Amino acid sequence: MSAAPENLRGSFVPLVTPFREGEIDLEAFAASVERQIAAGSHGVVVTGTTGEPTSLYATERARLYRAGVEAADGRIPVVAATGSPNQDETLTLTRQAEAAGVDAVLVLCPAFVRPSQAALESHFVTVAASTDLPLMIYNIPGRAAVDIAAATVERIAARAPNLVGLKHASRDLDLVTDLILRLGEDFRLFCGLESYSYPFLAVGGAGLMNAVGNLLPADVARLCDLVAAGDHAEALALHRRLFRLNEAIFWDSNPVPLKAMLAMVGAGPEEVRPPLGGLPENLRPGLQALVDEVALGQERI
């Protein structure tokens, strides 16, 4: 393992990418990093799924890597999501992230391509060999249409010493225990499916990459801290309080509902980039009610 376990554990919030009139709002982005630090988040992820990476030019993703590192200023780790369906672009983005000074990279299983397990192994070994940074795999079968197997991850780990973990956005909790048994507790497993946050941590996950952390960063970080301290009763109570918000993230395509809720509490612009569309108006009253009940007054900007 190239990264000390304590450096990649806890709440690593996948940041939204703020837009104003179609352009990235770097000032708002830097403010979001500052907010995460102030709220006790353990790290941030730049241009993950919540950051609309498929709507960003590669040059914009690289600019956000640099902006994230500059804003964090060494106070919390910055993970750059560098994956693409195109391997050459993934390698380029990974090199740019390393040059920007990020602490680790998160590389998704190539979406749309549906590579075989052998091809996934080759892809991740190639990407890992291109960088000295700690690397995590991003398994998101609902979007990528391919699901990496535990045995494949084990083979990659044997060939890529800088593979340190995996983000798992799936209801298959068995993979968490399977990978821990294969690779040990230092292999960092992050939950990428918001409503599974507490169960994932309870079976041994290292942390969360939970989009709700954009809205309630202190609460999501506290959930990680409670489980790490063994306070499962309080963690379960917090999980239940956050559950409806976790569900609401997917009332429409992420991050459409999330950005609407952030705008409701004054934490950023609602704008998304096409082909995503704005929030359907029939969803707005329900989101507002959730914000009023759960979020408003907790961490209002």
Protein backbone atom coordinates (compact mmCIF):
# COMPACT_ATOMS: atom_id res chain seq x y z
CA MET A 1 0.00 0.00 0.00
CA SER A 2 1.41 3.35 -1.05
CA ALA A 3 -0.80 5.47 1.21
CA ALA A 4 -1.00 5.25 4.97
CA PRO A 5 -4.45 3.89 5.90
CA GLU A 6 -5.33 6.91 8.02
CA ASN A 7 -4.92 9.21 4.99
CA LEU A 8 -7.74 7.55 3.04
CA ARG A 9 -10.46 6.88 5.57
CA GLY A 10 -13.64 8.67 6.56
CA SER A 11 -15.84 11.07 4.60
CA PHE A 12 -14.38 12.00 1.22
CA VAL A 13 -17.06 14.19 -0.28
CA PRO A 14 -17.52 14.02 -4.08
CA LEU A 15 -17.82 17.70 -4.83
CA VAL A 16 -20.31 19.19 -7.24
CA THR A 17 -18.90 21.32 -10.04
CA PRO A 18 -20.58 24.75 -9.80
CA PHE A 19 -21.56 26.42 -13.09
CA ARG A 20 -22.70 29.94 -13.84
CA GLU A 21 -23.95 30.65 -17.35
CA GLY A 22 -22.27 27.51 -18.62
CA GLU A 23 -18.82 28.19 -17.19
CA ILE A 24 -17.16 26.65 -14.14
CA ASP A 25 -17.38 28.93 -11.13
CA LEU A 26 -13.94 28.40 -9.61
CA GLU A 27 -14.63 30.81 -6.77
CA ALA A 28 -17.69 28.81 -5.70
CA PHE A 29 -15.70 25.59 -6.11
CA ALA A 30 -12.93 26.86 -3.81
CA ALA A 31 -15.58 27.93 -1.29
CA SER A 32 -17.01 24.41 -1.32
CA VAL A 33 -13.60 22.97 -0.48
CA GLU A 34 -13.26 25.45 2.37
CA ARG A 35 -16.68 24.48 3.65
CA GLN A 36 -15.70 20.81 3.72
CA ILE A 37 -12.59 21.59 5.73
CA ALA A 38 -14.51 23.74 8.21
CA ALA A 39 -17.14 21.01 8.67
CA GLY A 40 -14.63 18.26 9.44
CA SER A 41 -14.72 16.24 6.23
CA HIS A 42 -11.75 13.92 5.94
CA GLY A 43 -11.12 14.60 2.24
CA VAL A 44 -12.70 15.61 -1.07
CA VAL A 45 -13.10 14.01 -4.48
CA VAL A 46 -12.85 16.23 -7.56
CA THR A 47 -14.76 15.42 -10.80
CA GLY A 48 -16.37 12.28 -9.48
CA THR A 49 -19.84 11.37 -10.77
CA THR A 50 -21.40 14.16 -8.69
CA GLY A 51 -19.01 16.61 -10.40
CA GLU A 52 -20.47 15.95 -13.88
CA PRO A 53 -17.19 14.72 -15.41
CA THR A 54 -18.73 13.60 -18.70
CA SER A 55 -19.86 17.19 -19.33
CA LEU A 56 -16.39 18.60 -18.69
CA TYR A 57 -13.54 19.01 -21.13
CA ALA A 58 -10.33 17.28 -20.09
CA THR A 59 -8.75 20.73 -19.70
CA GLU A 60 -11.54 21.70 -17.29
CA ARG A 61 -11.04 18.57 -15.23
CA ALA A 62 -7.32 19.35 -14.95
CA ARG A 63 -8.16 22.93 -13.93
CA LEU A 64 -10.41 21.61 -11.17
CA TYR A 65 -7.66 19.28 -9.92
CA ARG A 66 -5.37 22.28 -9.55
CA ALA A 67 -8.09 24.38 -7.95
CA GLY A 68 -8.92 21.64 -5.45
CA VAL A 69 -5.30 21.22 -4.39
CA GLU A 70 -4.83 24.98 -4.10
CA ALA A 71 -7.97 25.41 -2.02
CA ALA A 72 -7.22 22.48 0.27
CA ASP A 73 -3.65 23.73 0.77
CA GLY A 74 -2.56 20.47 2.39
CA ARG A 75 -5.24 20.55 5.09
CA ILE A 76 -7.20 17.56 3.78
CA PRO A 77 -6.42 15.01 1.05
CA VAL A 78 -7.69 15.63 -2.48
CA VAL A 79 -8.64 12.65 -4.63
CA ALA A 80 -8.94 13.25 -8.37
CA ALA A 81 -11.35 11.13 -10.39
CA THR A 82 -9.44 10.56 -13.61
CA GLY A 83 -11.36 7.76 -15.30
CA SER A 84 -12.72 7.85 -18.83
CA PRO A 85 -14.01 5.25 -21.28
CA ASN A 86 -10.87 6.07 -23.29
CA GLN A 87 -7.67 4.65 -21.81
CA ASP A 88 -5.36 7.29 -23.31
CA GLU A 89 -7.51 10.05 -21.85
CA THR A 90 -7.50 8.29 -18.48
CA LEU A 91 -3.69 8.14 -18.57
CA THR A 92 -3.48 11.82 -19.53
CA LEU A 93 -5.88 12.89 -16.78
CA THR A 94 -3.99 10.77 -14.25
CA ARG A 95 -0.71 12.41 -15.19
CA GLN A 96 -2.32 15.85 -14.95
CA ALA A 97 -3.76 15.02 -11.54
CA GLU A 98 -0.35 13.92 -10.31
CA ALA A 99 1.22 17.10 -11.66
CA ALA A 100 -1.46 19.12 -9.85
CA GLY A 101 -0.40 17.59 -6.54
CA VAL A 102 -3.44 15.47 -5.66
CA ASP A 103 -3.10 12.79 -3.01
CA ALA A 104 -4.70 9.88 -4.87
CA VAL A 105 -6.65 9.06 -8.01
CA LEU A 106 -10.01 7.34 -8.45
CA VAL A 107 -10.42 5.50 -11.75
CA LEU A 108 -13.80 4.18 -12.83
CA CYS A 109 -14.50 0.98 -14.70
CA PRO A 110 -14.81 2.25 -18.28
CA ALA A 111 -18.43 3.13 -18.93
CA PHE A 112 -20.30 1.93 -22.03
CA VAL A 113 -17.36 -0.21 -23.21
CA ARG A 114 -18.28 -3.24 -21.05
CA PRO A 115 -14.77 -4.78 -20.99
CA SER A 116 -14.20 -8.34 -19.81
CA GLN A 117 -12.69 -9.07 -16.40
CA ALA A 118 -9.34 -9.76 -18.09
CA ALA A 119 -9.56 -6.44 -19.94
CA LEU A 120 -10.44 -4.63 -16.70
CA GLU A 121 -7.39 -6.17 -15.04
CA SER A 122 -5.15 -5.04 -17.89
CA HIS A 123 -6.67 -1.54 -17.89
CA PHE A 124 -6.20 -0.90 -14.20
CA VAL A 125 -2.69 -2.36 -14.14
CA THR A 126 -1.77 -0.05 -17.03
CA VAL A 127 -3.20 3.02 -15.30
CA ALA A 128 -1.58 2.13 -11.97
CA ALA A 129 1.80 1.74 -13.68
CA SER A 130 1.49 5.25 -15.13
CA THR A 131 1.54 6.98 -11.73
CA ASP A 132 3.23 6.89 -8.35
CA LEU A 133 -0.01 8.01 -6.70
CA PRO A 134 -2.26 5.72 -4.65
CA LEU A 135 -5.01 4.47 -6.94
CA MET A 136 -8.56 3.42 -6.17
CA ILE A 137 -10.93 1.63 -8.52
CA TYR A 138 -14.42 3.06 -8.96
CA ASN A 139 -16.96 0.27 -9.37
CA ILE A 140 -20.31 1.70 -10.49
CA PRO A 141 -22.13 -0.97 -12.49
CA GLY A 142 -25.36 1.03 -12.75
CA ARG A 143 -23.61 3.61 -14.93
CA ALA A 144 -20.69 1.65 -16.37
CA ALA A 145 -22.70 -1.49 -17.26
CA VAL A 146 -19.82 -3.61 -16.00
CA ASP A 147 -19.17 -4.93 -12.48
CA ILE A 148 -15.64 -5.73 -11.39
CA ALA A 149 -15.26 -9.05 -9.54
CA ALA A 150 -13.42 -9.50 -6.26
CA ALA A 151 -11.04 -11.99 -7.86
CA THR A 152 -10.20 -9.42 -10.54
CA VAL A 153 -9.43 -6.79 -7.90
CA GLU A 154 -7.21 -9.30 -6.11
CA ARG A 155 -5.26 -9.98 -9.31
CA ILE A 156 -4.85 -6.25 -9.96
CA ALA A 157 -3.59 -5.72 -6.41
CA ALA A 158 -0.98 -8.45 -6.92
CA ARG A 159 0.34 -6.62 -9.99
CA ALA A 160 -0.16 -2.99 -8.92
CA PRO A 161 1.32 -2.17 -5.49
CA ASN A 162 -0.18 1.32 -5.55
CA LEU A 163 -3.75 -0.01 -5.71
CA VAL A 164 -5.03 0.95 -2.26
CA GLY A 165 -8.79 0.70 -2.42
CA LEU A 166 -12.10 0.72 -4.24
CA LYS A 167 -15.21 2.87 -4.32
CA HIS A 168 -18.24 0.61 -4.55
CA ALA A 169 -21.52 2.08 -5.81
CA SER A 170 -23.68 -1.03 -5.70
CA ARG A 171 -26.13 -2.84 -3.43
CA ASP A 172 -23.79 -5.85 -3.35
CA LEU A 173 -22.48 -5.53 0.20
CA ASP A 174 -20.92 -8.99 0.02
CA LEU A 175 -18.10 -7.51 -2.04
CA VAL A 176 -16.97 -5.49 0.98
CA THR A 177 -16.40 -8.54 3.16
CA ASP A 178 -15.02 -10.57 0.24
CA LEU A 179 -12.35 -7.96 -0.54
CA ILE A 180 -11.40 -7.47 3.10
CA LEU A 181 -10.91 -11.22 3.46
CA ARG A 182 -8.82 -11.30 0.29
CA LEU A 183 -6.79 -8.11 0.73
CA GLY A 184 -6.96 -7.20 4.42
CA GLU A 185 -8.43 -4.30 6.38
CA ASP A 186 -5.89 -1.84 5.01
CA PHE A 187 -7.59 -2.09 1.61
CA ARG A 188 -9.80 0.99 1.67
CA LEU A 189 -13.37 0.40 0.62
CA PHE A 190 -15.56 3.48 0.15
CA CYS A 191 -19.33 3.46 -0.15
CA GLY A 192 -20.65 5.22 -3.24
CA LEU A 193 -24.33 4.45 -2.75
CA GLU A 194 -25.70 7.00 -0.30
CA SER A 195 -28.51 5.00 1.31
CA TYR A 196 -26.07 2.16 2.14
CA SER A 197 -23.68 4.41 4.04
CA TYR A 198 -24.12 3.00 7.56
CA PRO A 199 -24.46 -0.68 6.55
CA PHE A 200 -21.33 -0.34 4.41
CA LEU A 201 -19.32 1.09 7.28
CA ALA A 202 -20.73 -1.46 9.72
CA VAL A 203 -19.36 -4.40 7.73
CA GLY A 204 -15.88 -2.90 7.55
CA GLY A 205 -15.88 -0.13 4.93
CA ALA A 206 -13.18 2.49 5.34
CA GLY A 207 -15.31 5.46 4.47
CA LEU A 208 -17.95 7.22 2.42
CA MET A 209 -17.97 9.12 -0.85
CA ASN A 210 -21.48 10.38 -0.20
CA ALA A 211 -22.93 13.21 -2.30
CA VAL A 212 -25.08 14.35 0.65
CA GLY A 213 -21.79 15.48 2.17
CA ASN A 214 -22.06 18.52 -0.10
CA LEU A 215 -25.22 19.49 1.77
CA LEU A 216 -24.47 18.23 5.30
CA PRO A 217 -20.71 17.67 5.48
CA ALA A 218 -20.49 17.63 9.27
CA ASP A 219 -23.19 14.97 9.61
CA VAL A 220 -21.67 12.66 7.01
CA ALA A 221 -18.22 13.03 8.58
CA ARG A 222 -19.73 12.37 12.00
CA LEU A 223 -21.31 9.15 10.76
CA CYS A 224 -17.85 7.90 9.80
CA ASP A 225 -16.40 9.02 13.12
CA LEU A 226 -19.16 7.32 15.13
CA VAL A 227 -18.64 3.98 13.43
CA ALA A 228 -14.86 4.27 13.81
CA ALA A 229 -15.40 4.89 17.54
CA GLY A 230 -17.71 1.88 17.83
CA ASP A 231 -20.80 3.95 18.66
CA HIS A 232 -23.21 2.04 16.44
CA ALA A 233 -26.37 3.09 18.24
CA GLU A 234 -25.72 6.78 17.57
CA ALA A 235 -24.49 6.00 14.05
CA LEU A 236 -27.71 4.14 13.27
CA ALA A 237 -29.79 7.04 14.56
CA LEU A 238 -27.86 9.45 12.33
CA HIS A 239 -28.20 7.07 9.37
CA ARG A 240 -31.96 7.10 9.78
CA ARG A 241 -32.06 10.91 10.01
CA LEU A 242 -30.11 11.20 6.75
CA PHE A 243 -31.87 8.37 4.94
CA ARG A 244 -34.54 10.38 3.09
CA LEU A 245 -31.91 12.85 1.88
CA ASN A 246 -29.79 9.93 0.70
CA GLU A 247 -32.77 8.69 -1.28
CA ALA A 248 -33.58 12.14 -2.67
CA ILE A 249 -30.20 12.34 -4.40
CA PHE A 250 -31.69 9.95 -6.97
CA TRP A 251 -35.14 11.47 -7.46
CA ASP A 252 -33.61 12.63 -10.73
CA SER A 253 -30.15 12.07 -12.20
CA ASN A 254 -27.40 12.98 -9.74
CA PRO A 255 -26.48 15.82 -9.18
CA VAL A 256 -29.71 17.53 -10.31
CA PRO A 257 -31.64 17.15 -7.00
CA LEU A 258 -28.49 17.78 -4.96
CA LYS A 259 -27.69 21.06 -6.70
CA ALA A 260 -31.28 22.18 -6.20
CA MET A 261 -31.04 21.48 -2.46
CA LEU A 262 -27.68 23.26 -2.24
CA ALA A 263 -29.25 26.30 -3.85
CA MET A 264 -32.10 26.14 -1.33
CA VAL A 265 -29.63 26.55 1.54
CA GLY A 266 -27.44 29.09 -0.25
CA ALA A 267 -24.55 26.69 -0.78
CA GLY A 268 -24.12 26.99 -4.52
CA PRO A 269 -25.76 27.48 -7.90
CA GLU A 270 -28.42 25.05 -9.14
CA GLU A 271 -27.19 25.05 -12.74
CA VAL A 272 -26.15 21.77 -14.38
CA ARG A 273 -24.65 21.24 -17.81
CA PRO A 274 -26.56 19.63 -20.67
CA PRO A 275 -27.41 16.92 -21.45
CA LEU A 276 -28.60 17.02 -17.82
CA GLY A 277 -31.68 19.16 -17.40
CA GLY A 278 -32.97 21.29 -14.58
CA LEU A 279 -34.99 19.93 -11.69
CA PRO A 280 -38.55 18.98 -12.70
CA GLU A 281 -40.83 21.41 -10.90
CA ASN A 282 -43.02 18.62 -9.51
CA LEU A 283 -40.02 17.48 -7.42
CA ARG A 284 -39.23 20.88 -5.94
CA PRO A 285 -41.85 20.94 -3.13
CA GLY A 286 -40.72 17.53 -1.84
CA LEU A 287 -37.06 18.53 -1.89
CA GLN A 288 -37.84 21.79 -0.14
CA ALA A 289 -39.75 19.91 2.55
CA LEU A 290 -36.77 17.60 3.11
CA VAL A 291 -34.40 20.54 3.30
CA ASP A 292 -36.68 22.28 5.79
CA GLU A 293 -37.01 19.14 7.92
CA VAL A 294 -33.49 17.75 7.85
CA ALA A 295 -30.99 20.27 6.54
CA LEU A 296 -32.29 23.75 7.24
CA GLY A 297 -30.86 25.08 10.48
CA GLN A 298 -28.27 22.31 10.65
CA GLU A 299 -25.63 23.68 8.30
CA ARG A 300 -27.23 26.69 6.59
CA ILE A 301 -24.64 28.83 4.85
